[in-house]
Amino acid sequence: MKKVLLVLSLLFFSTIGFSQTVQSWENALSNQRGFYLDGGVGTVYSHEDVFGYTFNESGGFAGVLFLGYQVNRYLAAEAGINYANVSSDSLTYYPIAIKGTLPLGEEKRFKLFGKLGAAFAHDDSEGFWGIGAAYGVLPNLDVGIELNAVSSLFSSVGLATINLIYHF
């Protein structure tokens, strides 16, 4: 009898825990509005010069930090700071962008996204774009990969990063 009660109590409490997790995901998906923080580290790739900086090689350290506002599950606005360092050359620039997101899957935990905007550094501006994918590991936390680039007509500096995105 004790074993039956133990098994039934384990089933009961695991069902409660599972239903709370499902409710958390449902709440996170229905409340797609609000601020989020997106930060990541990775590597630099480059072609020619941007903002007067010439990176002669790829590799090195890249860091990104964005503060965004999710308007709905498909549209957000972001502003951030990006840093690229290759050998002795470094560049810090400030992008602003509109981010379009396509949620996929039954629970909408997997997302593909694209960004388009402008980046500013040293009293100059260039075009800014990005693409990426993210997966919701927790209701308020996504893990993603991103490729962001600052581009003029014939040159670009890009950052390939692994990111954590926290939704407030």
N, C-alpha and C. Protein backbone atom coordinates (compact mmCIF):
# COMPACT_ATOMS: atom_id res chain seq x y z
N MET A 1 0.82 -1.19 0.00
CA MET A 1 0.00 0.00 0.00
C MET A 1 0.87 1.27 0.00
N LYS A 2 1.96 1.24 0.78
CA LYS A 2 2.85 2.39 0.83
C LYS A 2 3.47 2.67 -0.54
N LYS A 3 3.82 1.62 -1.26
CA LYS A 3 4.40 1.79 -2.59
C LYS A 3 3.39 2.42 -3.55
N VAL A 4 2.15 2.01 -3.47
CA VAL A 4 1.11 2.56 -4.33
C VAL A 4 0.92 4.05 -4.01
N LEU A 5 0.87 4.41 -2.73
CA LEU A 5 0.74 5.81 -2.34
C LEU A 5 1.95 6.63 -2.80
N LEU A 6 3.13 6.05 -2.69
CA LEU A 6 4.34 6.75 -3.14
C LEU A 6 4.29 7.01 -4.65
N VAL A 7 3.93 6.01 -5.43
CA VAL A 7 3.84 6.15 -6.88
C VAL A 7 2.77 7.17 -7.25
N LEU A 8 1.60 7.10 -6.60
CA LEU A 8 0.53 8.05 -6.89
C LEU A 8 0.92 9.48 -6.53
N SER A 9 1.61 9.66 -5.40
CA SER A 9 2.04 11.01 -5.03
C SER A 9 3.11 11.54 -5.99
N LEU A 10 4.04 10.68 -6.44
CA LEU A 10 5.02 11.10 -7.44
C LEU A 10 4.35 11.51 -8.74
N LEU A 11 3.38 10.73 -9.20
CA LEU A 11 2.65 11.08 -10.41
C LEU A 11 1.90 12.40 -10.25
N PHE A 12 1.28 12.60 -9.09
CA PHE A 12 0.53 13.82 -8.84
C PHE A 12 1.43 15.05 -8.89
N PHE A 13 2.55 14.99 -8.16
CA PHE A 13 3.44 16.16 -8.10
C PHE A 13 4.17 16.40 -9.43
N SER A 14 4.50 15.34 -10.16
CA SER A 14 5.13 15.55 -11.46
C SER A 14 4.14 16.16 -12.45
N THR A 15 2.85 15.79 -12.35
CA THR A 15 1.83 16.38 -13.20
C THR A 15 1.67 17.86 -12.90
N ILE A 16 1.70 18.24 -11.63
CA ILE A 16 1.60 19.65 -11.25
C ILE A 16 2.80 20.41 -11.82
N GLY A 17 4.00 19.87 -11.67
CA GLY A 17 5.20 20.53 -12.20
C GLY A 17 5.14 20.68 -13.71
N PHE A 18 4.69 19.65 -14.41
CA PHE A 18 4.59 19.72 -15.86
C PHE A 18 3.55 20.76 -16.29
N SER A 19 2.41 20.79 -15.61
CA SER A 19 1.37 21.76 -16.00
C SER A 19 1.84 23.18 -15.74
N GLN A 20 2.63 23.42 -14.68
CA GLN A 20 3.14 24.76 -14.43
C GLN A 20 4.15 25.16 -15.51
N THR A 21 4.97 24.22 -15.98
CA THR A 21 5.90 24.51 -17.06
C THR A 21 5.15 24.85 -18.34
N VAL A 22 4.11 24.08 -18.65
CA VAL A 22 3.30 24.35 -19.83
C VAL A 22 2.63 25.71 -19.70
N GLN A 23 2.10 26.03 -18.51
CA GLN A 23 1.47 27.34 -18.31
C GLN A 23 2.50 28.45 -18.46
N SER A 24 3.74 28.25 -17.99
CA SER A 24 4.78 29.27 -18.14
C SER A 24 5.08 29.52 -19.61
N TRP A 25 5.18 28.45 -20.41
CA TRP A 25 5.41 28.62 -21.84
C TRP A 25 4.24 29.33 -22.50
N GLU A 26 3.00 28.94 -22.12
CA GLU A 26 1.82 29.59 -22.71
C GLU A 26 1.79 31.07 -22.35
N ASN A 27 2.12 31.41 -21.10
CA ASN A 27 2.16 32.81 -20.69
C ASN A 27 3.25 33.56 -21.44
N ALA A 28 4.41 32.95 -21.60
CA ALA A 28 5.52 33.60 -22.31
C ALA A 28 5.14 33.85 -23.77
N LEU A 29 4.44 32.91 -24.39
CA LEU A 29 4.07 33.08 -25.79
C LEU A 29 2.94 34.09 -25.96
N SER A 30 2.01 34.13 -25.01
CA SER A 30 0.90 35.07 -25.15
C SER A 30 1.33 36.48 -24.79
N ASN A 31 2.34 36.63 -23.94
CA ASN A 31 2.84 37.95 -23.55
C ASN A 31 4.14 38.24 -24.28
N GLN A 32 4.06 38.40 -25.58
CA GLN A 32 5.25 38.59 -26.39
C GLN A 32 5.75 40.03 -26.39
N ARG A 33 5.12 40.90 -25.64
CA ARG A 33 5.52 42.29 -25.62
C ARG A 33 6.48 42.54 -24.46
N GLY A 34 7.37 43.52 -24.64
CA GLY A 34 8.22 43.92 -23.55
C GLY A 34 9.68 44.00 -23.93
N PHE A 35 10.48 44.40 -22.95
CA PHE A 35 11.91 44.59 -23.16
C PHE A 35 12.67 43.27 -23.08
N TYR A 36 13.81 43.23 -23.77
CA TYR A 36 14.71 42.09 -23.68
C TYR A 36 16.14 42.58 -23.80
N LEU A 37 17.06 41.78 -23.28
CA LEU A 37 18.49 42.06 -23.34
C LEU A 37 19.14 40.92 -24.09
N ASP A 38 19.93 41.25 -25.12
CA ASP A 38 20.56 40.27 -26.00
C ASP A 38 22.06 40.53 -25.98
N GLY A 39 22.84 39.57 -25.50
CA GLY A 39 24.28 39.72 -25.45
C GLY A 39 24.98 38.49 -25.97
N GLY A 40 26.13 38.71 -26.62
CA GLY A 40 26.85 37.56 -27.15
C GLY A 40 28.31 37.84 -27.41
N VAL A 41 29.06 36.76 -27.59
CA VAL A 41 30.48 36.83 -27.92
C VAL A 41 30.76 35.91 -29.09
N GLY A 42 31.80 36.24 -29.83
CA GLY A 42 32.13 35.42 -30.99
C GLY A 42 33.38 35.91 -31.69
N THR A 43 33.33 35.91 -33.01
CA THR A 43 34.51 36.23 -33.82
C THR A 43 34.17 37.27 -34.89
N VAL A 44 35.21 37.86 -35.48
CA VAL A 44 35.08 38.92 -36.46
C VAL A 44 35.43 38.38 -37.84
N TYR A 45 34.68 38.79 -38.86
CA TYR A 45 35.11 38.57 -40.24
C TYR A 45 35.06 39.93 -40.93
N SER A 46 35.91 40.15 -41.89
CA SER A 46 35.97 41.49 -42.49
C SER A 46 36.35 41.44 -43.96
N HIS A 47 35.93 42.49 -44.65
CA HIS A 47 36.29 42.74 -46.04
C HIS A 47 36.51 44.24 -46.17
N GLU A 48 37.75 44.64 -46.35
CA GLU A 48 38.09 46.06 -46.55
C GLU A 48 37.84 46.89 -45.30
N ASP A 49 37.46 48.16 -45.49
CA ASP A 49 37.35 49.01 -44.32
C ASP A 49 35.94 49.54 -44.14
N VAL A 50 35.60 49.82 -42.88
CA VAL A 50 34.32 50.41 -42.48
C VAL A 50 34.63 51.44 -41.41
N PHE A 51 33.99 52.57 -41.47
CA PHE A 51 34.21 53.67 -40.53
C PHE A 51 35.68 54.09 -40.50
N GLY A 52 36.40 53.91 -41.60
CA GLY A 52 37.80 54.30 -41.66
C GLY A 52 38.75 53.28 -41.05
N TYR A 53 38.26 52.13 -40.62
CA TYR A 53 39.10 51.08 -40.05
C TYR A 53 39.30 50.00 -41.08
N THR A 54 40.51 49.53 -41.23
CA THR A 54 40.80 48.44 -42.15
C THR A 54 41.29 47.25 -41.33
N PHE A 55 40.51 46.17 -41.38
CA PHE A 55 40.92 44.93 -40.74
C PHE A 55 41.52 44.06 -41.83
N ASN A 56 42.80 43.75 -41.74
CA ASN A 56 43.48 42.98 -42.77
C ASN A 56 43.28 41.48 -42.63
N GLU A 57 42.67 41.06 -41.55
CA GLU A 57 42.47 39.64 -41.33
C GLU A 57 41.18 39.44 -40.56
N SER A 58 40.67 38.23 -40.60
CA SER A 58 39.49 37.88 -39.81
C SER A 58 39.94 37.15 -38.56
N GLY A 59 39.02 36.87 -37.68
CA GLY A 59 39.33 36.25 -36.40
C GLY A 59 39.26 37.31 -35.34
N GLY A 60 39.79 37.06 -34.20
CA GLY A 60 39.74 38.04 -33.14
C GLY A 60 38.46 37.94 -32.34
N PHE A 61 38.23 38.91 -31.48
CA PHE A 61 37.11 38.89 -30.54
C PHE A 61 35.99 39.81 -31.00
N ALA A 62 34.77 39.34 -30.87
CA ALA A 62 33.59 40.15 -31.15
C ALA A 62 32.66 40.08 -29.94
N GLY A 63 32.07 41.20 -29.59
CA GLY A 63 31.09 41.25 -28.52
C GLY A 63 29.91 42.13 -28.93
N VAL A 64 28.71 41.69 -28.58
CA VAL A 64 27.50 42.46 -28.91
C VAL A 64 26.63 42.56 -27.67
N LEU A 65 25.93 43.68 -27.55
CA LEU A 65 24.95 43.87 -26.49
C LEU A 65 23.82 44.73 -27.06
N PHE A 66 22.60 44.21 -27.01
CA PHE A 66 21.43 44.93 -27.52
C PHE A 66 20.38 45.02 -26.43
N LEU A 67 19.69 46.15 -26.39
CA LEU A 67 18.48 46.30 -25.61
C LEU A 67 17.37 46.46 -26.63
N GLY A 68 16.34 45.62 -26.52
CA GLY A 68 15.28 45.64 -27.50
C GLY A 68 13.92 45.74 -26.86
N TYR A 69 12.93 46.13 -27.67
CA TYR A 69 11.54 46.12 -27.24
C TYR A 69 10.74 45.30 -28.24
N GLN A 70 10.13 44.21 -27.75
CA GLN A 70 9.33 43.32 -28.57
C GLN A 70 7.92 43.90 -28.67
N VAL A 71 7.53 44.36 -29.87
CA VAL A 71 6.21 44.94 -30.10
C VAL A 71 5.15 43.84 -30.12
N ASN A 72 5.43 42.75 -30.82
CA ASN A 72 4.61 41.55 -30.83
C ASN A 72 5.54 40.38 -31.16
N ARG A 73 5.00 39.19 -31.40
CA ARG A 73 5.91 38.06 -31.60
C ARG A 73 6.69 38.14 -32.90
N TYR A 74 6.32 39.07 -33.80
CA TYR A 74 6.98 39.17 -35.10
C TYR A 74 7.89 40.40 -35.27
N LEU A 75 7.75 41.42 -34.45
CA LEU A 75 8.43 42.68 -34.68
C LEU A 75 9.02 43.25 -33.39
N ALA A 76 10.28 43.73 -33.50
CA ALA A 76 10.96 44.35 -32.36
C ALA A 76 11.85 45.50 -32.88
N ALA A 77 12.23 46.37 -31.96
CA ALA A 77 13.19 47.43 -32.25
C ALA A 77 14.36 47.26 -31.29
N GLU A 78 15.59 47.46 -31.79
CA GLU A 78 16.80 47.25 -30.98
C GLU A 78 17.75 48.42 -31.11
N ALA A 79 18.50 48.64 -30.04
CA ALA A 79 19.64 49.56 -30.05
C ALA A 79 20.74 48.86 -29.27
N GLY A 80 21.99 49.06 -29.69
CA GLY A 80 23.04 48.33 -29.00
C GLY A 80 24.42 48.91 -29.18
N ILE A 81 25.39 48.13 -28.69
CA ILE A 81 26.80 48.45 -28.83
C ILE A 81 27.49 47.17 -29.31
N ASN A 82 28.29 47.28 -30.34
CA ASN A 82 29.04 46.14 -30.88
C ASN A 82 30.52 46.48 -30.87
N TYR A 83 31.34 45.47 -30.59
CA TYR A 83 32.79 45.66 -30.47
C TYR A 83 33.48 44.59 -31.29
N ALA A 84 34.46 45.01 -32.10
CA ALA A 84 35.27 44.09 -32.91
C ALA A 84 36.74 44.39 -32.65
N ASN A 85 37.54 43.34 -32.42
CA ASN A 85 38.96 43.50 -32.18
C ASN A 85 39.71 42.42 -32.95
N VAL A 86 40.57 42.85 -33.88
CA VAL A 86 41.43 41.94 -34.63
C VAL A 86 42.84 42.48 -34.52
N SER A 87 43.75 41.66 -34.00
CA SER A 87 45.15 42.06 -33.77
C SER A 87 45.16 43.34 -32.94
N SER A 88 45.73 44.40 -33.45
CA SER A 88 45.81 45.65 -32.68
C SER A 88 44.71 46.64 -33.07
N ASP A 89 43.85 46.27 -34.04
CA ASP A 89 42.77 47.15 -34.46
C ASP A 89 41.48 46.81 -33.72
N SER A 90 40.77 47.84 -33.27
CA SER A 90 39.47 47.61 -32.65
C SER A 90 38.49 48.66 -33.12
N LEU A 91 37.22 48.30 -33.11
CA LEU A 91 36.16 49.18 -33.56
C LEU A 91 34.95 48.98 -32.65
N THR A 92 34.39 50.08 -32.17
CA THR A 92 33.14 50.06 -31.42
C THR A 92 32.13 50.88 -32.21
N TYR A 93 30.96 50.31 -32.43
CA TYR A 93 29.91 51.03 -33.15
C TYR A 93 28.56 50.77 -32.49
N TYR A 94 27.58 51.60 -32.84
CA TYR A 94 26.29 51.62 -32.16
C TYR A 94 25.17 51.42 -33.17
N PRO A 95 24.65 50.20 -33.27
CA PRO A 95 23.59 49.94 -34.24
C PRO A 95 22.19 50.19 -33.65
N ILE A 96 21.28 50.60 -34.51
CA ILE A 96 19.85 50.60 -34.21
C ILE A 96 19.18 49.85 -35.36
N ALA A 97 18.17 49.04 -35.04
CA ALA A 97 17.59 48.19 -36.08
C ALA A 97 16.16 47.80 -35.76
N ILE A 98 15.45 47.48 -36.81
CA ILE A 98 14.15 46.81 -36.71
C ILE A 98 14.43 45.32 -36.89
N LYS A 99 13.82 44.50 -36.03
CA LYS A 99 14.05 43.06 -36.06
C LYS A 99 12.74 42.35 -36.38
N GLY A 100 12.75 41.57 -37.46
CA GLY A 100 11.60 40.75 -37.82
C GLY A 100 11.86 39.31 -37.42
N THR A 101 10.88 38.66 -36.79
CA THR A 101 11.05 37.31 -36.27
C THR A 101 9.97 36.38 -36.82
N LEU A 102 10.37 35.16 -37.18
CA LEU A 102 9.45 34.13 -37.63
C LEU A 102 9.51 32.97 -36.63
N PRO A 103 8.51 32.88 -35.70
CA PRO A 103 8.49 31.76 -34.76
C PRO A 103 8.07 30.47 -35.46
N LEU A 104 8.74 29.37 -35.16
CA LEU A 104 8.45 28.08 -35.80
C LEU A 104 8.18 27.00 -34.77
N GLY A 105 7.50 25.95 -35.20
CA GLY A 105 7.22 24.82 -34.34
C GLY A 105 5.91 24.99 -33.60
N GLU A 106 5.46 23.89 -33.02
CA GLU A 106 4.17 23.90 -32.31
C GLU A 106 4.18 24.84 -31.12
N GLU A 107 5.25 24.85 -30.37
CA GLU A 107 5.34 25.73 -29.20
C GLU A 107 5.96 27.09 -29.53
N LYS A 108 6.39 27.30 -30.77
CA LYS A 108 7.00 28.56 -31.22
C LYS A 108 8.28 28.88 -30.45
N ARG A 109 9.01 27.85 -30.03
CA ARG A 109 10.25 28.07 -29.28
C ARG A 109 11.44 28.34 -30.19
N PHE A 110 11.39 27.87 -31.42
CA PHE A 110 12.47 28.11 -32.39
C PHE A 110 12.10 29.33 -33.21
N LYS A 111 13.06 30.25 -33.39
CA LYS A 111 12.79 31.50 -34.10
C LYS A 111 13.90 31.79 -35.10
N LEU A 112 13.52 32.21 -36.29
CA LEU A 112 14.45 32.75 -37.27
C LEU A 112 14.22 34.26 -37.29
N PHE A 113 15.29 35.05 -37.45
CA PHE A 113 15.09 36.49 -37.45
C PHE A 113 16.06 37.19 -38.38
N GLY A 114 15.69 38.41 -38.73
CA GLY A 114 16.52 39.28 -39.54
C GLY A 114 16.45 40.69 -38.98
N LYS A 115 17.53 41.45 -39.16
CA LYS A 115 17.62 42.82 -38.66
C LYS A 115 18.03 43.73 -39.80
N LEU A 116 17.52 44.96 -39.77
CA LEU A 116 17.90 45.94 -40.76
C LEU A 116 17.88 47.32 -40.10
N GLY A 117 18.97 48.06 -40.28
CA GLY A 117 19.04 49.38 -39.67
C GLY A 117 20.28 50.14 -40.06
N ALA A 118 20.80 50.91 -39.11
CA ALA A 118 21.99 51.73 -39.33
C ALA A 118 22.92 51.58 -38.13
N ALA A 119 24.20 51.80 -38.37
CA ALA A 119 25.20 51.78 -37.30
C ALA A 119 25.96 53.09 -37.33
N PHE A 120 26.35 53.55 -36.14
CA PHE A 120 27.00 54.85 -36.01
C PHE A 120 28.32 54.71 -35.26
N ALA A 121 29.34 55.42 -35.75
CA ALA A 121 30.64 55.49 -35.09
C ALA A 121 31.41 56.68 -35.64
N HIS A 122 32.07 57.42 -34.77
CA HIS A 122 32.95 58.51 -35.19
C HIS A 122 32.27 59.50 -36.15
N ASP A 123 31.12 59.99 -35.81
CA ASP A 123 30.38 60.96 -36.64
C ASP A 123 30.11 60.45 -38.05
N ASP A 124 29.97 59.15 -38.21
CA ASP A 124 29.71 58.54 -39.50
C ASP A 124 28.63 57.48 -39.31
N SER A 125 27.97 57.11 -40.40
CA SER A 125 26.96 56.05 -40.32
C SER A 125 27.12 55.10 -41.50
N GLU A 126 26.73 53.87 -41.30
CA GLU A 126 26.78 52.83 -42.33
C GLU A 126 25.51 52.00 -42.20
N GLY A 127 25.24 51.18 -43.22
CA GLY A 127 24.11 50.26 -43.14
C GLY A 127 24.42 49.13 -42.16
N PHE A 128 23.39 48.60 -41.53
CA PHE A 128 23.53 47.51 -40.57
C PHE A 128 22.49 46.45 -40.90
N TRP A 129 22.91 45.18 -40.88
CA TRP A 129 21.97 44.09 -41.07
C TRP A 129 22.40 42.89 -40.23
N GLY A 130 21.49 41.98 -40.00
CA GLY A 130 21.81 40.79 -39.25
C GLY A 130 20.81 39.68 -39.54
N ILE A 131 21.25 38.45 -39.36
CA ILE A 131 20.38 37.28 -39.47
C ILE A 131 20.74 36.34 -38.32
N GLY A 132 19.80 35.48 -37.96
CA GLY A 132 20.10 34.55 -36.89
C GLY A 132 18.97 33.61 -36.58
N ALA A 133 19.20 32.79 -35.58
CA ALA A 133 18.22 31.83 -35.10
C ALA A 133 18.36 31.74 -33.58
N ALA A 134 17.24 31.48 -32.92
CA ALA A 134 17.25 31.35 -31.46
C ALA A 134 16.29 30.24 -31.05
N TYR A 135 16.57 29.66 -29.88
CA TYR A 135 15.72 28.60 -29.33
C TYR A 135 15.41 28.93 -27.88
N GLY A 136 14.15 28.89 -27.52
CA GLY A 136 13.74 29.16 -26.15
C GLY A 136 14.01 27.99 -25.23
N VAL A 137 15.02 28.10 -24.39
CA VAL A 137 15.35 27.02 -23.45
C VAL A 137 14.54 27.13 -22.17
N LEU A 138 14.12 28.33 -21.83
CA LEU A 138 13.24 28.62 -20.70
C LEU A 138 12.22 29.65 -21.18
N PRO A 139 11.10 29.83 -20.48
CA PRO A 139 10.11 30.80 -20.96
C PRO A 139 10.66 32.21 -21.18
N ASN A 140 11.67 32.64 -20.42
CA ASN A 140 12.22 33.99 -20.58
C ASN A 140 13.65 34.01 -21.11
N LEU A 141 14.18 32.87 -21.53
CA LEU A 141 15.58 32.80 -21.94
C LEU A 141 15.73 32.03 -23.24
N ASP A 142 16.35 32.69 -24.23
CA ASP A 142 16.66 32.06 -25.52
C ASP A 142 18.17 31.97 -25.67
N VAL A 143 18.61 30.95 -26.40
CA VAL A 143 20.01 30.81 -26.82
C VAL A 143 20.01 30.91 -28.33
N GLY A 144 20.94 31.70 -28.88
CA GLY A 144 20.91 31.89 -30.32
C GLY A 144 22.27 32.06 -30.94
N ILE A 145 22.27 32.04 -32.26
CA ILE A 145 23.46 32.37 -33.06
C ILE A 145 23.07 33.53 -33.96
N GLU A 146 24.03 34.42 -34.20
CA GLU A 146 23.74 35.63 -34.95
C GLU A 146 24.91 36.00 -35.83
N LEU A 147 24.58 36.58 -36.96
CA LEU A 147 25.57 37.17 -37.84
C LEU A 147 25.14 38.61 -38.08
N ASN A 148 25.89 39.57 -37.55
CA ASN A 148 25.61 41.00 -37.72
C ASN A 148 26.71 41.61 -38.55
N ALA A 149 26.35 42.57 -39.40
CA ALA A 149 27.36 43.20 -40.26
C ALA A 149 27.07 44.68 -40.43
N VAL A 150 28.14 45.45 -40.50
CA VAL A 150 28.09 46.85 -40.90
C VAL A 150 28.63 46.88 -42.32
N SER A 151 27.86 47.45 -43.24
CA SER A 151 28.24 47.38 -44.66
C SER A 151 28.11 48.72 -45.34
N SER A 152 29.11 49.03 -46.14
CA SER A 152 28.97 50.09 -47.12
C SER A 152 28.90 49.38 -48.47
N LEU A 153 28.99 50.09 -49.55
CA LEU A 153 28.76 49.49 -50.86
C LEU A 153 29.74 48.35 -51.16
N PHE A 154 31.03 48.51 -50.87
CA PHE A 154 32.01 47.49 -51.24
C PHE A 154 32.78 46.92 -50.06
N SER A 155 32.35 47.18 -48.84
CA SER A 155 33.11 46.68 -47.70
C SER A 155 32.17 46.34 -46.55
N SER A 156 32.65 45.49 -45.66
CA SER A 156 31.84 45.12 -44.50
C SER A 156 32.73 44.58 -43.39
N VAL A 157 32.24 44.75 -42.17
CA VAL A 157 32.81 44.10 -41.00
C VAL A 157 31.66 43.38 -40.33
N GLY A 158 31.82 42.10 -40.11
CA GLY A 158 30.75 41.30 -39.53
C GLY A 158 31.18 40.61 -38.26
N LEU A 159 30.19 40.33 -37.43
CA LEU A 159 30.42 39.65 -36.16
C LEU A 159 29.54 38.40 -36.12
N ALA A 160 30.15 37.25 -35.92
CA ALA A 160 29.41 36.00 -35.75
C ALA A 160 29.46 35.66 -34.27
N THR A 161 28.30 35.59 -33.62
CA THR A 161 28.26 35.45 -32.16
C THR A 161 27.28 34.36 -31.72
N ILE A 162 27.52 33.87 -30.51
CA ILE A 162 26.58 33.02 -29.79
C ILE A 162 25.98 33.89 -28.69
N ASN A 163 24.65 33.93 -28.62
CA ASN A 163 23.98 34.89 -27.76
C ASN A 163 23.06 34.26 -26.74
N LEU A 164 22.84 34.98 -25.65
CA LEU A 164 21.79 34.72 -24.68
C LEU A 164 20.83 35.90 -24.74
N ILE A 165 19.54 35.61 -24.82
CA ILE A 165 18.52 36.65 -24.90
C ILE A 165 17.59 36.47 -23.71
N TYR A 166 17.52 37.49 -22.85
CA TYR A 166 16.65 37.42 -21.68
C TYR A 166 15.47 38.37 -21.87
N HIS A 167 14.26 37.84 -21.77
CA HIS A 167 13.02 38.63 -21.92
C HIS A 167 12.52 39.01 -20.52
N PHE A 168 12.38 40.31 -20.27
CA PHE A 168 11.91 40.79 -18.96
C PHE A 168 10.42 40.62 -18.84
